[in-house]
Amino acid sequence: MLTNSDVVREVWSAIERRDWDVLRSLCDERCIYTLPQSGERYSRDGFVRLNREYPGEWHVNVQSLIGCETWVVTEVTVSFRDRIDTGVSLFRVDSGRVVEIREYWPEPFEVPAWRNDWAERL
């Protein structure tokens, strides 16, 4: 049986491969996907559709993954032709299937002036 971390790795792999049937199968029928920053909520099929219909050519790369008994947290980058976005996702896994996803897609910003002198640039 897959660990919760394995399940989430498979989710990201299915998204990168555009394998929507596998993505759907990894998510429980109860799965709820939320984007708290914009106040959106989707069902499992809505989550699959959102990824399937996301515009443009893009690629996902998992930067880090931390798993525990119930929750798995990932940091991913999504590369487009002209930019790279970073997202943080929280996955709740039950019996080998994803039942909840919360994603945060922060906007990049300049270092505030008050801490600029000692910040190390990435």
PDB file of N, CA and C in Angstrom:
ATOM      1  N   MET A   1       0.840  -1.189   0.000  1.00  0.00           N
ATOM      2  CA  MET A   1       0.000   0.000   0.000  1.00  0.00           C
ATOM      3  C   MET A   1       0.881   1.246   0.000  1.00  0.00           C
ATOM      4  N   LEU A   2       0.460   2.254  -0.716  1.00  0.00           N
ATOM      5  CA  LEU A   2       1.212   3.503  -0.795  1.00  0.00           C
ATOM      6  C   LEU A   2       1.111   4.275   0.515  1.00  0.00           C
ATOM      7  N   THR A   3       2.189   4.955   0.881  1.00  0.00           N
ATOM      8  CA  THR A   3       2.129   5.869   2.014  1.00  0.00           C
ATOM      9  C   THR A   3       1.380   7.128   1.576  1.00  0.00           C
ATOM     10  N   ASN A   4       0.994   7.947   2.534  1.00  0.00           N
ATOM     11  CA  ASN A   4       0.331   9.209   2.191  1.00  0.00           C
ATOM     12  C   ASN A   4       1.229  10.084   1.327  1.00  0.00           C
ATOM     13  N   SER A   5       2.516  10.099   1.634  1.00  0.00           N
ATOM     14  CA  SER A   5       3.460  10.869   0.821  1.00  0.00           C
ATOM     15  C   SER A   5       3.524  10.328  -0.603  1.00  0.00           C
ATOM     16  N   ASP A   6       3.499   9.007  -0.752  1.00  0.00           N
ATOM     17  CA  ASP A   6       3.500   8.402  -2.091  1.00  0.00           C
ATOM     18  C   ASP A   6       2.265   8.810  -2.879  1.00  0.00           C
ATOM     19  N   VAL A   7       1.115   8.822  -2.210  1.00  0.00           N
ATOM     20  CA  VAL A   7      -0.131   9.215  -2.879  1.00  0.00           C
ATOM     21  C   VAL A   7      -0.008  10.632  -3.423  1.00  0.00           C
ATOM     22  N   VAL A   8       0.512  11.534  -2.607  1.00  0.00           N
ATOM     23  CA  VAL A   8       0.635  12.932  -3.036  1.00  0.00           C
ATOM     24  C   VAL A   8       1.670  13.072  -4.150  1.00  0.00           C
ATOM     25  N   ARG A   9       2.762  12.334  -4.079  1.00  0.00           N
ATOM     26  CA  ARG A   9       3.729  12.336  -5.190  1.00  0.00           C
ATOM     27  C   ARG A   9       3.046  11.901  -6.487  1.00  0.00           C
ATOM     28  N   GLU A  10       2.193  10.882  -6.383  1.00  0.00           N
ATOM     29  CA  GLU A  10       1.452  10.404  -7.560  1.00  0.00           C
ATOM     30  C   GLU A  10       0.487  11.459  -8.086  1.00  0.00           C
ATOM     31  N   VAL A  11      -0.129  12.225  -7.178  1.00  0.00           N
ATOM     32  CA  VAL A  11      -1.018  13.317  -7.606  1.00  0.00           C
ATOM     33  C   VAL A  11      -0.242  14.294  -8.478  1.00  0.00           C
ATOM     34  N   TRP A  12       0.907  14.750  -7.980  1.00  0.00           N
ATOM     35  CA  TRP A  12       1.693  15.719  -8.752  1.00  0.00           C
ATOM     36  C   TRP A  12       2.210  15.109 -10.053  1.00  0.00           C
ATOM     37  N   SER A  13       2.585  13.859 -10.018  1.00  0.00           N
ATOM     38  CA  SER A  13       3.050  13.189 -11.227  1.00  0.00           C
ATOM     39  C   SER A  13       1.936  13.096 -12.266  1.00  0.00           C
ATOM     40  N   ALA A  14       0.735  12.757 -11.825  1.00  0.00           N
ATOM     41  CA  ALA A  14      -0.407  12.672 -12.746  1.00  0.00           C
ATOM     42  C   ALA A  14      -0.713  14.041 -13.346  1.00  0.00           C
ATOM     43  N   ILE A  15      -0.617  15.095 -12.531  1.00  0.00           N
ATOM     44  CA  ILE A  15      -0.858  16.448 -13.044  1.00  0.00           C
ATOM     45  C   ILE A  15       0.194  16.798 -14.096  1.00  0.00           C
ATOM     46  N   GLU A  16       1.454  16.527 -13.806  1.00  0.00           N
ATOM     47  CA  GLU A  16       2.514  16.832 -14.773  1.00  0.00           C
ATOM     48  C   GLU A  16       2.331  16.053 -16.073  1.00  0.00           C
ATOM     49  N   ARG A  17       1.894  14.797 -15.989  1.00  0.00           N
ATOM     50  CA  ARG A  17       1.690  13.961 -17.183  1.00  0.00           C
ATOM     51  C   ARG A  17       0.372  14.263 -17.899  1.00  0.00           C
ATOM     52  N   ARG A  18      -0.474  15.074 -17.256  1.00  0.00           N
ATOM     53  CA  ARG A  18      -1.821  15.371 -17.769  1.00  0.00           C
ATOM     54  C   ARG A  18      -2.644  14.085 -17.846  1.00  0.00           C
ATOM     55  N   ASP A  19      -2.475  13.221 -16.840  1.00  0.00           N
ATOM     56  CA  ASP A  19      -3.220  11.963 -16.768  1.00  0.00           C
ATOM     57  C   ASP A  19      -4.408  12.175 -15.837  1.00  0.00           C
ATOM     58  N   TRP A  20      -5.481  12.722 -16.405  1.00  0.00           N
ATOM     59  CA  TRP A  20      -6.624  13.161 -15.614  1.00  0.00           C
ATOM     60  C   TRP A  20      -7.402  11.995 -15.001  1.00  0.00           C
ATOM     61  N   ASP A  21      -7.407  10.849 -15.650  1.00  0.00           N
ATOM     62  CA  ASP A  21      -8.083   9.679 -15.072  1.00  0.00           C
ATOM     63  C   ASP A  21      -7.363   9.204 -13.811  1.00  0.00           C
ATOM     64  N   VAL A  22      -6.032   9.172 -13.852  1.00  0.00           N
ATOM     65  CA  VAL A  22      -5.263   8.775 -12.665  1.00  0.00           C
ATOM     66  C   VAL A  22      -5.452   9.809 -11.562  1.00  0.00           C
ATOM     67  N   LEU A  23      -5.394  11.088 -11.909  1.00  0.00           N
ATOM     68  CA  LEU A  23      -5.590  12.132 -10.904  1.00  0.00           C
ATOM     69  C   LEU A  23      -6.942  11.955 -10.212  1.00  0.00           C
ATOM     70  N   ARG A  24      -7.973  11.738 -10.990  1.00  0.00           N
ATOM     71  CA  ARG A  24      -9.312  11.549 -10.419  1.00  0.00           C
ATOM     72  C   ARG A  24      -9.342  10.331  -9.505  1.00  0.00           C
ATOM     73  N   SER A  25      -8.674   9.253  -9.902  1.00  0.00           N
ATOM     74  CA  SER A  25      -8.688   8.021  -9.104  1.00  0.00           C
ATOM     75  C   SER A  25      -7.934   8.169  -7.783  1.00  0.00           C
ATOM     76  N   LEU A  26      -6.992   9.087  -7.715  1.00  0.00           N
ATOM     77  CA  LEU A  26      -6.233   9.310  -6.487  1.00  0.00           C
ATOM     78  C   LEU A  26      -7.006  10.144  -5.463  1.00  0.00           C
ATOM     79  N   CYS A  27      -8.054  10.802  -5.933  1.00  0.00           N
ATOM     80  CA  CYS A  27      -8.875  11.649  -5.066  1.00  0.00           C
ATOM     81  C   CYS A  27     -10.181  10.937  -4.734  1.00  0.00           C
ATOM     82  N   ASP A  28     -10.508  10.911  -3.461  1.00  0.00           N
ATOM     83  CA  ASP A  28     -11.746  10.307  -3.009  1.00  0.00           C
ATOM     84  C   ASP A  28     -12.941  11.100  -3.533  1.00  0.00           C
ATOM     85  N   GLU A  29     -14.073  10.444  -3.680  1.00  0.00           N
ATOM     86  CA  GLU A  29     -15.273  11.154  -4.153  1.00  0.00           C
ATOM     87  C   GLU A  29     -15.674  12.278  -3.201  1.00  0.00           C
ATOM     88  N   ARG A  30     -15.236  12.218  -1.942  1.00  0.00           N
ATOM     89  CA  ARG A  30     -15.514  13.276  -0.956  1.00  0.00           C
ATOM     90  C   ARG A  30     -14.533  14.439  -1.044  1.00  0.00           C
ATOM     91  N   CYS A  31     -13.540  14.338  -1.908  1.00  0.00           N
ATOM     92  CA  CYS A  31     -12.454  15.321  -1.946  1.00  0.00           C
ATOM     93  C   CYS A  31     -12.988  16.739  -2.163  1.00  0.00           C
ATOM     94  N   ILE A  32     -12.485  17.637  -1.329  1.00  0.00           N
ATOM     95  CA  ILE A  32     -12.786  19.062  -1.446  1.00  0.00           C
ATOM     96  C   ILE A  32     -11.462  19.794  -1.642  1.00  0.00           C
ATOM     97  N   TYR A  33     -11.438  20.641  -2.674  1.00  0.00           N
ATOM     98  CA  TYR A  33     -10.250  21.438  -3.015  1.00  0.00           C
ATOM     99  C   TYR A  33     -10.588  22.898  -2.750  1.00  0.00           C
ATOM    100  N   THR A  34      -9.790  23.556  -1.908  1.00  0.00           N
ATOM    101  CA  THR A  34     -10.052  24.955  -1.603  1.00  0.00           C
ATOM    102  C   THR A  34      -8.828  25.812  -1.889  1.00  0.00           C
ATOM    103  N   LEU A  35      -9.109  27.017  -2.316  1.00  0.00           N
ATOM    104  CA  LEU A  35      -8.119  28.068  -2.521  1.00  0.00           C
ATOM    105  C   LEU A  35      -8.521  29.209  -1.588  1.00  0.00           C
ATOM    106  N   PRO A  36      -8.060  29.188  -0.333  1.00  0.00           N
ATOM    107  CA  PRO A  36      -8.518  30.172   0.657  1.00  0.00           C
ATOM    108  C   PRO A  36      -8.270  31.626   0.263  1.00  0.00           C
ATOM    109  N   GLN A  37      -7.198  31.898  -0.480  1.00  0.00           N
ATOM    110  CA  GLN A  37      -6.880  33.280  -0.831  1.00  0.00           C
ATOM    111  C   GLN A  37      -7.955  33.914  -1.712  1.00  0.00           C
ATOM    112  N   SER A  38      -8.572  33.124  -2.576  1.00  0.00           N
ATOM    113  CA  SER A  38      -9.603  33.657  -3.469  1.00  0.00           C
ATOM    114  C   SER A  38     -11.003  33.207  -3.081  1.00  0.00           C
ATOM    115  N   GLY A  39     -11.102  32.369  -2.041  1.00  0.00           N
ATOM    116  CA  GLY A  39     -12.411  31.934  -1.575  1.00  0.00           C
ATOM    117  C   GLY A  39     -13.094  30.928  -2.476  1.00  0.00           C
ATOM    118  N   GLU A  40     -12.313  30.129  -3.204  1.00  0.00           N
ATOM    119  CA  GLU A  40     -12.887  29.124  -4.113  1.00  0.00           C
ATOM    120  C   GLU A  40     -12.923  27.757  -3.447  1.00  0.00           C
ATOM    121  N   ARG A  41     -13.952  26.971  -3.815  1.00  0.00           N
ATOM    122  CA  ARG A  41     -14.048  25.583  -3.361  1.00  0.00           C
ATOM    123  C   ARG A  41     -14.544  24.743  -4.540  1.00  0.00           C
ATOM    124  N   TYR A  42     -13.943  23.554  -4.690  1.00  0.00           N
ATOM    125  CA  TYR A  42     -14.285  22.660  -5.792  1.00  0.00           C
ATOM    126  C   TYR A  42     -14.432  21.227  -5.279  1.00  0.00           C
ATOM    127  N   SER A  43     -15.236  20.465  -5.995  1.00  0.00           N
ATOM    128  CA  SER A  43     -15.343  19.024  -5.767  1.00  0.00           C
ATOM    129  C   SER A  43     -14.150  18.333  -6.420  1.00  0.00           C
ATOM    130  N   ARG A  44     -14.096  17.028  -6.291  1.00  0.00           N
ATOM    131  CA  ARG A  44     -13.030  16.251  -6.953  1.00  0.00           C
ATOM    132  C   ARG A  44     -13.032  16.539  -8.452  1.00  0.00           C
ATOM    133  N   ASP A  45     -14.191  16.470  -9.080  1.00  0.00           N
ATOM    134  CA  ASP A  45     -14.240  16.689 -10.528  1.00  0.00           C
ATOM    135  C   ASP A  45     -13.868  18.129 -10.890  1.00  0.00           C
ATOM    136  N   GLY A  46     -14.215  19.068 -10.021  1.00  0.00           N
ATOM    137  CA  GLY A  46     -13.816  20.458 -10.249  1.00  0.00           C
ATOM    138  C   GLY A  46     -12.317  20.633 -10.160  1.00  0.00           C
ATOM    139  N   PHE A  47     -11.679  19.927  -9.222  1.00  0.00           N
ATOM    140  CA  PHE A  47     -10.222  19.974  -9.075  1.00  0.00           C
ATOM    141  C   PHE A  47      -9.547  19.433 -10.333  1.00  0.00           C
ATOM    142  N   VAL A  48     -10.041  18.315 -10.834  1.00  0.00           N
ATOM    143  CA  VAL A  48      -9.475  17.732 -12.057  1.00  0.00           C
ATOM    144  C   VAL A  48      -9.678  18.693 -13.229  1.00  0.00           C
ATOM    145  N   ARG A  49     -10.879  19.240 -13.344  1.00  0.00           N
ATOM    146  CA  ARG A  49     -11.170  20.150 -14.458  1.00  0.00           C
ATOM    147  C   ARG A  49     -10.300  21.401 -14.393  1.00  0.00           C
ATOM    148  N   LEU A  50     -10.131  21.969 -13.202  1.00  0.00           N
ATOM    149  CA  LEU A  50      -9.306  23.164 -13.050  1.00  0.00           C
ATOM    150  C   LEU A  50      -7.898  22.913 -13.575  1.00  0.00           C
ATOM    151  N   ASN A  51      -7.318  21.777 -13.238  1.00  0.00           N
ATOM    152  CA  ASN A  51      -5.971  21.452 -13.715  1.00  0.00           C
ATOM    153  C   ASN A  51      -5.962  21.138 -15.209  1.00  0.00           C
ATOM    154  N   ARG A  52      -6.950  20.405 -15.672  1.00  0.00           N
ATOM    155  CA  ARG A  52      -7.024  20.031 -17.084  1.00  0.00           C
ATOM    156  C   ARG A  52      -7.163  21.258 -17.979  1.00  0.00           C
ATOM    157  N   GLU A  53      -7.921  22.238 -17.534  1.00  0.00           N
ATOM    158  CA  GLU A  53      -8.214  23.391 -18.385  1.00  0.00           C
ATOM    159  C   GLU A  53      -7.355  24.611 -18.077  1.00  0.00           C
ATOM    160  N   TYR A  54      -6.368  24.454 -17.178  1.00  0.00           N
ATOM    161  CA  TYR A  54      -5.510  25.591 -16.875  1.00  0.00           C
ATOM    162  C   TYR A  54      -4.790  26.012 -18.157  1.00  0.00           C
ATOM    163  N   PRO A  55      -4.858  27.285 -18.501  1.00  0.00           N
ATOM    164  CA  PRO A  55      -4.331  27.709 -19.807  1.00  0.00           C
ATOM    165  C   PRO A  55      -2.810  27.685 -19.898  1.00  0.00           C
ATOM    166  N   GLY A  56      -2.352  27.545 -21.122  1.00  0.00           N
ATOM    167  CA  GLY A  56      -0.930  27.645 -21.413  1.00  0.00           C
ATOM    168  C   GLY A  56      -0.177  26.343 -21.239  1.00  0.00           C
ATOM    169  N   GLU A  57       1.096  26.416 -21.555  1.00  0.00           N
ATOM    170  CA  GLU A  57       2.024  25.290 -21.386  1.00  0.00           C
ATOM    171  C   GLU A  57       2.729  25.493 -20.060  1.00  0.00           C
ATOM    172  N   TRP A  58       2.635  24.527 -19.173  1.00  0.00           N
ATOM    173  CA  TRP A  58       3.224  24.646 -17.846  1.00  0.00           C
ATOM    174  C   TRP A  58       3.708  23.286 -17.363  1.00  0.00           C
ATOM    175  N   HIS A  59       4.650  23.334 -16.411  1.00  0.00           N
ATOM    176  CA  HIS A  59       5.238  22.115 -15.860  1.00  0.00           C
ATOM    177  C   HIS A  59       5.403  22.260 -14.351  1.00  0.00           C
ATOM    178  N   VAL A  60       5.092  21.177 -13.641  1.00  0.00           N
ATOM    179  CA  VAL A  60       5.142  21.149 -12.183  1.00  0.00           C
ATOM    180  C   VAL A  60       6.417  20.452 -11.719  1.00  0.00           C
ATOM    181  N   ASN A  61       7.049  21.034 -10.693  1.00  0.00           N
ATOM    182  CA  ASN A  61       8.221  20.421 -10.082  1.00  0.00           C
ATOM    183  C   ASN A  61       8.053  20.490  -8.563  1.00  0.00           C
ATOM    184  N   VAL A  62       8.044  19.337  -7.910  1.00  0.00           N
ATOM    185  CA  VAL A  62       7.931  19.299  -6.454  1.00  0.00           C
ATOM    186  C   VAL A  62       9.286  19.667  -5.861  1.00  0.00           C
ATOM    187  N   GLN A  63       9.303  20.757  -5.084  1.00  0.00           N
ATOM    188  CA  GLN A  63      10.529  21.231  -4.443  1.00  0.00           C
ATOM    189  C   GLN A  63      10.739  20.558  -3.092  1.00  0.00           C
ATOM    190  N   SER A  64       9.651  20.368  -2.344  1.00  0.00           N
ATOM    191  CA  SER A  64       9.745  19.695  -1.052  1.00  0.00           C
ATOM    192  C   SER A  64       8.415  19.046  -0.712  1.00  0.00           C
ATOM    193  N   LEU A  65       8.503  18.006   0.097  1.00  0.00           N
ATOM    194  CA  LEU A  65       7.328  17.254   0.514  1.00  0.00           C
ATOM    195  C   LEU A  65       7.556  16.792   1.947  1.00  0.00           C
ATOM    196  N   ILE A  66       6.593  17.088   2.807  1.00  0.00           N
ATOM    197  CA  ILE A  66       6.655  16.684   4.210  1.00  0.00           C
ATOM    198  C   ILE A  66       5.366  15.943   4.528  1.00  0.00           C
ATOM    199  N   GLY A  67       5.494  14.709   4.984  1.00  0.00           N
ATOM    200  CA  GLY A  67       4.312  13.908   5.276  1.00  0.00           C
ATOM    201  C   GLY A  67       4.252  13.476   6.721  1.00  0.00           C
ATOM    202  N   CYS A  68       3.043  13.320   7.222  1.00  0.00           N
ATOM    203  CA  CYS A  68       2.836  12.761   8.558  1.00  0.00           C
ATOM    204  C   CYS A  68       1.652  11.794   8.472  1.00  0.00           C
ATOM    205  N   GLU A  69       1.038  11.466   9.586  1.00  0.00           N
ATOM    206  CA  GLU A  69      -0.009  10.445   9.584  1.00  0.00           C
ATOM    207  C   GLU A  69      -1.148  10.757   8.632  1.00  0.00           C
ATOM    208  N   THR A  70      -1.667  11.961   8.696  1.00  0.00           N
ATOM    209  CA  THR A  70      -2.852  12.309   7.917  1.00  0.00           C
ATOM    210  C   THR A  70      -2.570  13.332   6.827  1.00  0.00           C
ATOM    211  N   TRP A  71      -1.694  14.286   7.101  1.00  0.00           N
ATOM    212  CA  TRP A  71      -1.458  15.413   6.204  1.00  0.00           C
ATOM    213  C   TRP A  71      -0.112  15.305   5.498  1.00  0.00           C
ATOM    214  N   VAL A  72      -0.094  15.792   4.259  1.00  0.00           N
ATOM    215  CA  VAL A  72       1.139  15.913   3.484  1.00  0.00           C
ATOM    216  C   VAL A  72       1.179  17.345   2.954  1.00  0.00           C
ATOM    217  N   VAL A  73       2.323  18.006   3.120  1.00  0.00           N
ATOM    218  CA  VAL A  73       2.499  19.374   2.654  1.00  0.00           C
ATOM    219  C   VAL A  73       3.546  19.373   1.553  1.00  0.00           C
ATOM    220  N   THR A  74       3.247  20.067   0.458  1.00  0.00           N
ATOM    221  CA  THR A  74       4.218  20.186  -0.627  1.00  0.00           C
ATOM    222  C   THR A  74       4.448  21.648  -0.982  1.00  0.00           C
ATOM    223  N   GLU A  75       5.655  21.901  -1.439  1.00  0.00           N
ATOM    224  CA  GLU A  75       5.993  23.161  -2.078  1.00  0.00           C
ATOM    225  C   GLU A  75       6.340  22.809  -3.512  1.00  0.00           C
ATOM    226  N   VAL A  76       5.661  23.450  -4.455  1.00  0.00           N
ATOM    227  CA  VAL A  76       5.912  23.161  -5.863  1.00  0.00           C
ATOM    228  C   VAL A  76       6.211  24.454  -6.606  1.00  0.00           C
ATOM    229  N   THR A  77       6.916  24.298  -7.715  1.00  0.00           N
ATOM    230  CA  THR A  77       7.027  25.392  -8.666  1.00  0.00           C
ATOM    231  C   THR A  77       6.308  24.961  -9.932  1.00  0.00           C
ATOM    232  N   VAL A  78       5.653  25.919 -10.541  1.00  0.00           N
ATOM    233  CA  VAL A  78       5.000  25.690 -11.824  1.00  0.00           C
ATOM    234  C   VAL A  78       5.645  26.649 -12.810  1.00  0.00           C
ATOM    235  N   SER A  79       6.302  26.068 -13.800  1.00  0.00           N
ATOM    236  CA  SER A  79       7.045  26.857 -14.782  1.00  0.00           C
ATOM    237  C   SER A  79       6.196  27.103 -16.013  1.00  0.00           C
ATOM    238  N   PHE A  80       6.127  28.357 -16.390  1.00  0.00           N
ATOM    239  CA  PHE A  80       5.487  28.789 -17.621  1.00  0.00           C
ATOM    240  C   PHE A  80       6.582  29.339 -18.525  1.00  0.00           C
ATOM    241  N   ARG A  81       6.230  29.721 -19.703  1.00  0.00           N
ATOM    242  CA  ARG A  81       7.218  30.272 -20.630  1.00  0.00           C
ATOM    243  C   ARG A  81       7.871  31.535 -20.063  1.00  0.00           C
ATOM    244  N   ASP A  82       7.084  32.381 -19.385  1.00  0.00           N
ATOM    245  CA  ASP A  82       7.592  33.687 -18.970  1.00  0.00           C
ATOM    246  C   ASP A  82       7.647  33.904 -17.460  1.00  0.00           C
ATOM    247  N   ARG A  83       7.340  32.870 -16.660  1.00  0.00           N
ATOM    248  CA  ARG A  83       7.376  33.056 -15.208  1.00  0.00           C
ATOM    249  C   ARG A  83       7.412  31.702 -14.504  1.00  0.00           C
ATOM    250  N   ILE A  84       7.720  31.751 -13.207  1.00  0.00           N
ATOM    251  CA  ILE A  84       7.665  30.569 -12.352  1.00  0.00           C
ATOM    252  C   ILE A  84       6.836  30.938 -11.128  1.00  0.00           C
ATOM    253  N   ASP A  85       5.785  30.179 -10.861  1.00  0.00           N
ATOM    254  CA  ASP A  85       4.944  30.379  -9.684  1.00  0.00           C
ATOM    255  C   ASP A  85       5.310  29.342  -8.627  1.00  0.00           C
ATOM    256  N   THR A  86       5.156  29.725  -7.374  1.00  0.00           N
ATOM    257  CA  THR A  86       5.400  28.813  -6.258  1.00  0.00           C
ATOM    258  C   THR A  86       4.095  28.608  -5.506  1.00  0.00           C
ATOM    259  N   GLY A  87       3.786  27.353  -5.207  1.00  0.00           N
ATOM    260  CA  GLY A  87       2.579  27.039  -4.460  1.00  0.00           C
ATOM    261  C   GLY A  87       2.867  26.136  -3.279  1.00  0.00           C
ATOM    262  N   VAL A  88       2.057  26.288  -2.243  1.00  0.00           N
ATOM    263  CA  VAL A  88       2.120  25.425  -1.068  1.00  0.00           C
ATOM    264  C   VAL A  88       0.767  24.736  -0.953  1.00  0.00           C
ATOM    265  N   SER A  89       0.798  23.416  -0.888  1.00  0.00           N
ATOM    266  CA  SER A  89      -0.431  22.624  -0.869  1.00  0.00           C
ATOM    267  C   SER A  89      -0.458  21.725   0.348  1.00  0.00           C
ATOM    268  N   LEU A  90      -1.616  21.656   0.968  1.00  0.00           N
ATOM    269  CA  LEU A  90      -1.844  20.763   2.105  1.00  0.00           C
ATOM    270  C   LEU A  90      -2.834  19.705   1.659  1.00  0.00           C
ATOM    271  N   PHE A  91      -2.427  18.451   1.735  1.00  0.00           N
ATOM    272  CA  PHE A  91      -3.254  17.325   1.324  1.00  0.00           C
ATOM    273  C   PHE A  91      -3.617  16.498   2.551  1.00  0.00           C
ATOM    274  N   ARG A  92      -4.894  16.208   2.725  1.00  0.00           N
ATOM    275  CA  ARG A  92      -5.306  15.252   3.759  1.00  0.00           C
ATOM    276  C   ARG A  92      -5.651  13.958   3.052  1.00  0.00           C
ATOM    277  N   VAL A  93      -5.010  12.875   3.489  1.00  0.00           N
ATOM    278  CA  VAL A  93      -5.159  11.575   2.839  1.00  0.00           C
ATOM    279  C   VAL A  93      -5.812  10.615   3.830  1.00  0.00           C
ATOM    280  N   ASP A  94      -6.791   9.860   3.339  1.00  0.00           N
ATOM    281  CA  ASP A  94      -7.490   8.869   4.159  1.00  0.00           C
ATOM    282  C   ASP A  94      -7.622   7.587   3.356  1.00  0.00           C
ATOM    283  N   SER A  95      -7.134   6.499   3.898  1.00  0.00           N
ATOM    284  CA  SER A  95      -7.233   5.179   3.250  1.00  0.00           C
ATOM    285  C   SER A  95      -6.672   5.191   1.833  1.00  0.00           C
ATOM    286  N   GLY A  96      -5.565   5.906   1.643  1.00  0.00           N
ATOM    287  CA  GLY A  96      -4.872   5.894   0.368  1.00  0.00           C
ATOM    288  C   GLY A  96      -5.436   6.811  -0.697  1.00  0.00           C
ATOM    289  N   ARG A  97      -6.379   7.677  -0.319  1.00  0.00           N
ATOM    290  CA  ARG A  97      -6.949   8.616  -1.297  1.00  0.00           C
ATOM    291  C   ARG A  97      -7.034  10.010  -0.683  1.00  0.00           C
ATOM    292  N   VAL A  98      -6.875  11.010  -1.534  1.00  0.00           N
ATOM    293  CA  VAL A  98      -6.910  12.399  -1.090  1.00  0.00           C
ATOM    294  C   VAL A  98      -8.364  12.797  -0.819  1.00  0.00           C
ATOM    295  N   VAL A  99      -8.603  13.358   0.370  1.00  0.00           N
ATOM    296  CA  VAL A  99      -9.958  13.786   0.727  1.00  0.00           C
ATOM    297  C   VAL A  99     -10.064  15.304   0.888  1.00  0.00           C
ATOM    298  N   GLU A 100      -8.931  15.972   1.005  1.00  0.00           N
ATOM    299  CA  GLU A 100      -8.959  17.428   1.140  1.00  0.00           C
ATOM    300  C   GLU A 100      -7.656  18.003   0.623  1.00  0.00           C
ATOM    301  N   ILE A 101      -7.764  19.131  -0.081  1.00  0.00           N
ATOM    302  CA  ILE A 101      -6.592  19.859  -0.574  1.00  0.00           C
ATOM    303  C   ILE A 101      -6.835  21.341  -0.307  1.00  0.00           C
ATOM    304  N   ARG A 102      -5.842  21.991   0.289  1.00  0.00           N
ATOM    305  CA  ARG A 102      -5.849  23.453   0.433  1.00  0.00           C
ATOM    306  C   ARG A 102      -4.583  23.973  -0.226  1.00  0.00           C
ATOM    307  N   GLU A 103      -4.749  24.925  -1.150  1.00  0.00           N
ATOM    308  CA  GLU A 103      -3.574  25.450  -1.863  1.00  0.00           C
ATOM    309  C   GLU A 103      -3.452  26.954  -1.692  1.00  0.00           C
ATOM    310  N   TYR A 104      -2.194  27.369  -1.583  1.00  0.00           N
ATOM    311  CA  TYR A 104      -1.853  28.779  -1.461  1.00  0.00           C
ATOM    312  C   TYR A 104      -0.840  29.114  -2.557  1.00  0.00           C
ATOM    313  N   TRP A 105      -1.145  30.152  -3.332  1.00  0.00           N
ATOM    314  CA  TRP A 105      -0.283  30.595  -4.428  1.00  0.00           C
ATOM    315  C   TRP A 105       0.099  32.054  -4.186  1.00  0.00           C
ATOM    316  N   PRO A 106       1.154  32.270  -3.371  1.00  0.00           N
ATOM    317  CA  PRO A 106       1.524  33.644  -3.027  1.00  0.00           C
ATOM    318  C   PRO A 106       2.155  34.379  -4.210  1.00  0.00           C
ATOM    319  N   GLU A 107       1.898  35.670  -4.244  1.00  0.00           N
ATOM    320  CA  GLU A 107       2.504  36.534  -5.256  1.00  0.00           C
ATOM    321  C   GLU A 107       3.906  36.932  -4.797  1.00  0.00           C
ATOM    322  N   PRO A 108       4.876  36.956  -5.706  1.00  0.00           N
ATOM    323  CA  PRO A 108       6.217  37.438  -5.330  1.00  0.00           C
ATOM    324  C   PRO A 108       6.146  38.922  -4.942  1.00  0.00           C
ATOM    325  N   PHE A 109       7.062  39.342  -4.072  1.00  0.00           N
ATOM    326  CA  PHE A 109       7.108  40.748  -3.672  1.00  0.00           C
ATOM    327  C   PHE A 109       8.543  41.144  -3.355  1.00  0.00           C
ATOM    328  N   GLU A 110       8.795  42.435  -3.407  1.00  0.00           N
ATOM    329  CA  GLU A 110      10.122  42.975  -3.112  1.00  0.00           C
ATOM    330  C   GLU A 110      10.377  42.909  -1.607  1.00  0.00           C
ATOM    331  N   VAL A 111      11.634  42.770  -1.246  1.00  0.00           N
ATOM    332  CA  VAL A 111      12.020  42.788   0.164  1.00  0.00           C
ATOM    333  C   VAL A 111      11.697  44.173   0.720  1.00  0.00           C
ATOM    334  N   PRO A 112      10.987  44.249   1.854  1.00  0.00           N
ATOM    335  CA  PRO A 112      10.710  45.563   2.441  1.00  0.00           C
ATOM    336  C   PRO A 112      12.008  46.287   2.820  1.00  0.00           C
ATOM    337  N   ALA A 113      11.987  47.597   2.708  1.00  0.00           N
ATOM    338  CA  ALA A 113      13.178  48.413   2.944  1.00  0.00           C
ATOM    339  C   ALA A 113      13.768  48.187   4.327  1.00  0.00           C
ATOM    340  N   TRP A 114      12.947  47.964   5.338  1.00  0.00           N
ATOM    341  CA  TRP A 114      13.443  47.850   6.712  1.00  0.00           C
ATOM    342  C   TRP A 114      14.340  46.634   6.923  1.00  0.00           C
ATOM    343  N   ARG A 115      14.229  45.618   6.067  1.00  0.00           N
ATOM    344  CA  ARG A 115      15.093  44.443   6.228  1.00  0.00           C
ATOM    345  C   ARG A 115      15.973  44.182   5.012  1.00  0.00           C
ATOM    346  N   ASN A 116      15.937  45.061   4.048  1.00  0.00           N
ATOM    347  CA  ASN A 116      16.670  44.892   2.806  1.00  0.00           C
ATOM    348  C   ASN A 116      18.180  44.786   3.000  1.00  0.00           C
ATOM    349  N   ASP A 117      18.736  45.514   3.969  1.00  0.00           N
ATOM    350  CA  ASP A 117      20.204  45.538   4.144  1.00  0.00           C
ATOM    351  C   ASP A 117      20.784  44.224   4.585  1.00  0.00           C
ATOM    352  N   TRP A 118      20.033  43.378   5.250  1.00  0.00           N
ATOM    353  CA  TRP A 118      20.595  42.110   5.726  1.00  0.00           C
ATOM    354  C   TRP A 118      19.986  40.885   5.053  1.00  0.00           C
ATOM    355  N   ALA A 119      19.122  41.084   4.075  1.00  0.00           N
ATOM    356  CA  ALA A 119      18.521  39.972   3.352  1.00  0.00           C
ATOM    357  C   ALA A 119      19.513  39.393   2.352  1.00  0.00           C
ATOM    358  N   GLU A 120      19.595  38.085   2.322  1.00  0.00           N
ATOM    359  CA  GLU A 120      20.377  37.394   1.302  1.00  0.00           C
ATOM    360  C   GLU A 120      19.425  37.056   0.164  1.00  0.00           C
ATOM    361  N   ARG A 121      19.757  37.405  -1.050  1.00  0.00           N
ATOM    362  CA  ARG A 121      18.890  37.189  -2.217  1.00  0.00           C
ATOM    363  C   ARG A 121      18.973  35.742  -2.696  1.00  0.00           C
ATOM    364  N   LEU A 122      17.844  35.218  -3.100  1.00  0.00           N
ATOM    365  CA  LEU A 122      17.785  33.854  -3.661  1.00  0.00           C
ATOM    366  C   LEU A 122      18.165  33.882  -5.126  1.00  0.00           C
TER     367      LEU A 122
END
